[in-house]
N, C-alpha and C. Protein backbone atom coordinates (compact mmCIF):
# COMPACT_ATOMS: atom_id res chain seq x y z
N MET A 1 -0.99 0.23 12.38
CA MET A 1 -0.33 -0.27 10.98
C MET A 1 1.24 0.50 10.99
N LYS A 2 2.16 -0.74 10.93
CA LYS A 2 3.35 -0.68 10.68
C LYS A 2 3.98 0.80 9.80
N ALA A 3 5.26 1.75 10.17
CA ALA A 3 5.72 2.42 9.83
C ALA A 3 6.46 2.56 8.95
N TYR A 4 6.50 3.01 7.74
CA TYR A 4 6.93 2.57 6.28
C TYR A 4 8.46 3.49 6.87
N LYS A 5 9.45 3.05 6.30
CA LYS A 5 10.78 3.74 6.83
C LYS A 5 11.09 4.69 5.44
N ASN A 6 10.60 4.92 4.35
CA ASN A 6 11.68 5.68 3.32
C ASN A 6 12.89 5.96 2.98
N THR A 7 14.08 4.49 3.11
CA THR A 7 14.56 5.04 3.26
C THR A 7 15.76 6.09 2.04
N SER A 8 14.53 6.03 0.94
CA SER A 8 15.40 7.33 0.30
C SER A 8 14.94 8.46 0.31
N GLY A 9 13.27 8.28 0.71
CA GLY A 9 13.31 9.70 1.64
C GLY A 9 12.41 10.85 0.66
N ASN A 10 12.40 9.93 -0.80
CA ASN A 10 11.05 10.12 -1.45
C ASN A 10 10.15 9.51 -1.70
N SER A 11 9.42 8.53 -0.79
CA SER A 11 8.42 7.56 -0.94
C SER A 11 6.95 8.87 -0.51
N ASP A 12 5.65 8.81 -0.76
CA ASP A 12 4.17 9.15 -0.55
C ASP A 12 4.04 8.06 0.48
N VAL A 13 4.82 7.23 0.79
CA VAL A 13 4.05 5.69 1.41
C VAL A 13 4.60 6.45 3.17
N LYS A 14 3.53 5.96 4.36
CA LYS A 14 3.67 6.65 5.65
C LYS A 14 3.99 5.15 6.35
N ALA A 15 2.54 4.27 5.59
CA ALA A 15 2.46 3.46 6.85
C ALA A 15 1.69 2.46 6.49
N TYR A 16 1.69 0.90 5.95
CA TYR A 16 1.25 -0.14 5.47
C TYR A 16 0.85 -1.30 7.06
N GLN A 17 0.31 -2.21 6.36
CA GLN A 17 -0.56 -3.42 7.18
C GLN A 17 -0.98 -4.15 6.13
N ILE A 18 -0.24 -5.30 6.28
CA ILE A 18 -0.16 -6.69 5.84
C ILE A 18 -1.22 -7.68 6.22
N TYR A 19 -1.93 -8.43 5.43
CA TYR A 19 -2.88 -9.04 5.37
C TYR A 19 -2.90 -9.98 4.62
N LYS A 20 -3.45 -11.59 4.77
CA LYS A 20 -3.40 -12.76 4.01
C LYS A 20 -3.76 -12.22 3.07
N ASP A 21 -4.85 -12.29 2.33
CA ASP A 21 -5.33 -11.34 1.20
C ASP A 21 -4.96 -10.35 0.71
N ALA A 22 -4.83 -9.18 1.13
CA ALA A 22 -4.58 -7.61 0.96
C ALA A 22 -2.97 -6.84 1.14
N ILE A 23 -3.04 -5.32 1.31
CA ILE A 23 -2.23 -4.33 2.18
C ILE A 23 -2.86 -3.39 1.83
N LYS A 24 -2.66 -2.93 3.53
CA LYS A 24 -3.37 -1.69 3.71
C LYS A 24 -2.04 -0.73 3.44
N VAL A 25 -2.32 0.60 3.11
CA VAL A 25 -1.31 1.07 2.03
C VAL A 25 -1.42 2.76 2.95
N GLN A 26 -0.84 4.05 3.79
CA GLN A 26 -1.21 5.27 3.51
C GLN A 26 -0.51 5.44 3.75
N PHE A 27 -0.63 7.25 2.89
CA PHE A 27 0.00 7.73 2.18
C PHE A 27 0.37 8.90 3.16
N ASN A 28 1.37 9.85 1.76
CA ASN A 28 2.06 10.92 3.72
C ASN A 28 0.61 12.41 3.59
N ASP A 29 -0.34 11.86 2.59
CA ASP A 29 -1.60 12.83 2.44
C ASP A 29 -2.40 12.10 3.58
N GLY A 30 -2.61 11.25 4.66
CA GLY A 30 -2.94 10.48 5.22
C GLY A 30 -4.26 9.85 4.17
N SER A 31 -4.42 9.46 2.71
CA SER A 31 -5.08 9.14 2.54
C SER A 31 -4.38 7.09 2.62
N ILE A 32 -5.63 6.71 3.04
CA ILE A 32 -5.38 4.99 2.77
C ILE A 32 -6.33 4.28 1.66
N TYR A 33 -5.63 3.52 0.99
CA TYR A 33 -6.11 2.00 0.50
C TYR A 33 -5.25 1.01 0.56
N LEU A 34 -6.55 -0.19 0.26
CA LEU A 34 -6.57 -0.78 0.19
C LEU A 34 -6.42 -1.56 -1.20
N TYR A 35 -4.66 -2.32 -1.11
CA TYR A 35 -5.32 -3.01 -2.42
C TYR A 35 -5.50 -4.93 -1.97
N SER A 36 -6.06 -4.97 -2.65
CA SER A 36 -6.23 -6.85 -2.03
C SER A 36 -6.17 -8.00 -3.84
N TYR A 37 -6.25 -8.20 -3.41
CA TYR A 37 -6.26 -10.27 -4.33
C TYR A 37 -7.67 -9.80 -5.46
N GLU A 38 -8.75 -9.49 -4.74
CA GLU A 38 -10.01 -9.35 -5.84
C GLU A 38 -9.75 -8.29 -6.84
N LYS A 39 -9.77 -7.10 -5.93
CA LYS A 39 -9.27 -5.95 -7.15
C LYS A 39 -8.07 -5.72 -8.04
N ASN A 40 -6.77 -6.14 -6.95
CA ASN A 40 -5.81 -6.06 -7.39
C ASN A 40 -4.86 -7.27 -8.22
N GLY A 41 -5.53 -8.42 -8.02
CA GLY A 41 -4.49 -9.46 -7.73
C GLY A 41 -3.33 -9.51 -7.78
N GLU A 42 -3.85 -11.67 -7.22
CA GLU A 42 -2.32 -11.85 -5.85
C GLU A 42 -1.35 -12.28 -6.46
N PRO A 43 -1.00 -11.44 -7.67
CA PRO A 43 0.59 -11.27 -7.75
C PRO A 43 0.78 -9.64 -7.11
N THR A 44 0.32 -8.93 -7.71
CA THR A 44 0.21 -7.50 -7.59
C THR A 44 0.17 -7.07 -5.47
N VAL A 45 -0.09 -7.65 -5.07
CA VAL A 45 -0.03 -7.59 -3.96
C VAL A 45 0.38 -7.98 -3.29
N GLU A 46 1.31 -9.86 -3.55
CA GLU A 46 2.56 -10.55 -3.00
C GLU A 46 3.78 -9.23 -3.39
N ILE A 47 3.49 -8.33 -4.60
CA ILE A 47 5.02 -8.16 -4.26
C ILE A 47 5.16 -6.45 -3.79
N MET A 48 4.25 -6.44 -3.70
CA MET A 48 3.20 -5.11 -2.77
C MET A 48 4.19 -5.00 -1.41
N LYS A 49 3.80 -6.18 -0.82
CA LYS A 49 3.55 -6.98 0.79
C LYS A 49 5.33 -7.01 0.59
N ALA A 50 6.26 -8.09 -0.26
CA ALA A 50 8.00 -7.68 0.09
C ALA A 50 8.28 -6.46 -0.34
N LEU A 51 7.69 -5.26 -1.02
CA LEU A 51 8.16 -4.29 -1.44
C LEU A 51 8.51 -3.77 0.58
N ALA A 52 7.25 -3.72 0.83
CA ALA A 52 6.91 -3.22 2.32
C ALA A 52 7.61 -4.21 3.10
N THR A 53 7.69 -4.74 3.54
CA THR A 53 8.92 -5.86 4.12
C THR A 53 10.04 -5.53 4.09
N SER A 54 10.32 -5.27 2.52
CA SER A 54 12.20 -5.19 2.44
C SER A 54 12.20 -3.46 2.83
N GLN A 55 10.81 -2.48 3.55
CA GLN A 55 11.12 -1.10 2.91
C GLN A 55 11.69 -0.44 2.39
N GLN A 56 11.86 -0.87 0.19
CA GLN A 56 11.97 -0.20 -0.57
C GLN A 56 11.17 -0.58 -1.11
N GLY A 57 11.10 0.93 -2.21
CA GLY A 57 10.06 0.17 -3.54
C GLY A 57 9.37 0.09 -3.66
N LEU A 58 8.25 0.24 -2.70
CA LEU A 58 6.60 -0.16 -2.37
C LEU A 58 6.23 1.63 -3.30
N GLY A 59 6.58 2.64 -2.96
CA GLY A 59 5.93 3.95 -3.62
C GLY A 59 5.58 3.78 -4.67
N THR A 60 7.20 3.41 -5.60
CA THR A 60 7.20 3.37 -6.77
C THR A 60 6.95 2.80 -7.69
N TYR A 61 6.12 1.40 -6.79
CA TYR A 61 5.95 0.09 -7.35
C TYR A 61 4.27 0.99 -7.62
N ILE A 62 3.90 1.36 -6.53
CA ILE A 62 2.30 1.56 -6.60
C ILE A 62 1.99 3.38 -7.26
N SER A 63 2.86 3.98 -8.12
CA SER A 63 3.16 4.45 -8.83
C SER A 63 2.71 4.20 -10.46
N LEU A 64 4.16 3.15 -10.45
CA LEU A 64 3.86 2.13 -11.62
C LEU A 64 2.90 1.53 -11.81
N LYS A 65 2.70 0.72 -11.11
CA LYS A 65 2.22 -0.62 -11.41
C LYS A 65 1.04 -0.68 -11.07
N ALA A 66 0.42 -0.30 -9.44
CA ALA A 66 -0.32 -0.59 -8.82
C ALA A 66 -1.14 0.71 -8.23
N LYS A 67 -1.45 1.61 -9.24
CA LYS A 67 -2.28 2.91 -8.97
C LYS A 67 -3.82 3.24 -8.23
N LYS A 68 -3.78 4.13 -7.22
CA LYS A 68 -4.57 4.16 -6.35
C LYS A 68 -5.71 3.94 -7.12
N GLU A 69 -6.08 4.41 -8.14
CA GLU A 69 -7.16 4.04 -9.13
C GLU A 69 -8.08 2.49 -9.07
N THR A 70 -6.77 1.36 -8.54
CA THR A 70 -7.74 0.54 -8.89
C THR A 70 -7.72 0.05 -7.34
N ALA A 71 -7.64 0.50 -6.62
CA ALA A 71 -7.87 0.46 -4.96
C ALA A 71 -8.62 0.90 -4.41
N GLU A 72 -9.43 0.20 -3.38
CA GLU A 72 -10.46 0.51 -2.87
C GLU A 72 -9.82 1.59 -1.15
N LYS A 73 -10.19 2.88 -2.10
CA LYS A 73 -10.03 4.16 -0.84
C LYS A 73 -11.00 3.67 0.64
N LEU A 74 -10.01 3.58 1.34
CA LEU A 74 -10.77 3.98 2.79
C LEU A 74 -11.25 5.33 3.74
N ASP A 75 -11.60 5.08 4.47
CA ASP A 75 -11.62 6.20 5.18
C ASP A 75 -10.73 7.48 5.95
N GLY A 76 -10.33 7.86 6.90
CA GLY A 76 -9.99 7.96 7.45
C GLY A 76 -9.90 7.49 8.84
N ASN A 77 -10.12 6.46 9.66
CA ASN A 77 -10.32 4.98 10.49
C ASN A 77 -9.23 3.81 9.61
N GLY A 78 -9.25 4.18 8.34
CA GLY A 78 -8.56 3.15 7.45
C GLY A 78 -9.92 2.23 8.16
N THR A 79 -11.13 1.89 7.54
CA THR A 79 -12.74 0.99 7.29
C THR A 79 -13.02 1.50 5.93
N ARG A 80 -13.47 0.61 5.75
CA ARG A 80 -14.36 0.77 4.63
C ARG A 80 -15.46 2.01 4.71
N ASN A 81 -15.84 2.73 3.56
CA ASN A 81 -16.98 3.54 3.97
C ASN A 81 -18.41 2.43 3.68
């Protein structure tokens, strides 16, 4: 996974990994979630990819638009349970 710079100093996001149809996000508490076209919709995932790449706004977007509850929680190794 790629480290998230957290330029504001307030982000809950620690790292991310971009896939063709999904994005995996690791939070500071160690939890890892997979946001996918299937579960979250293509527009949401594409916005998240852009925010991750720009290194700003991803944590805010997740808290406001793409809640953890709408994603698939992965195990501590980042794989499906």
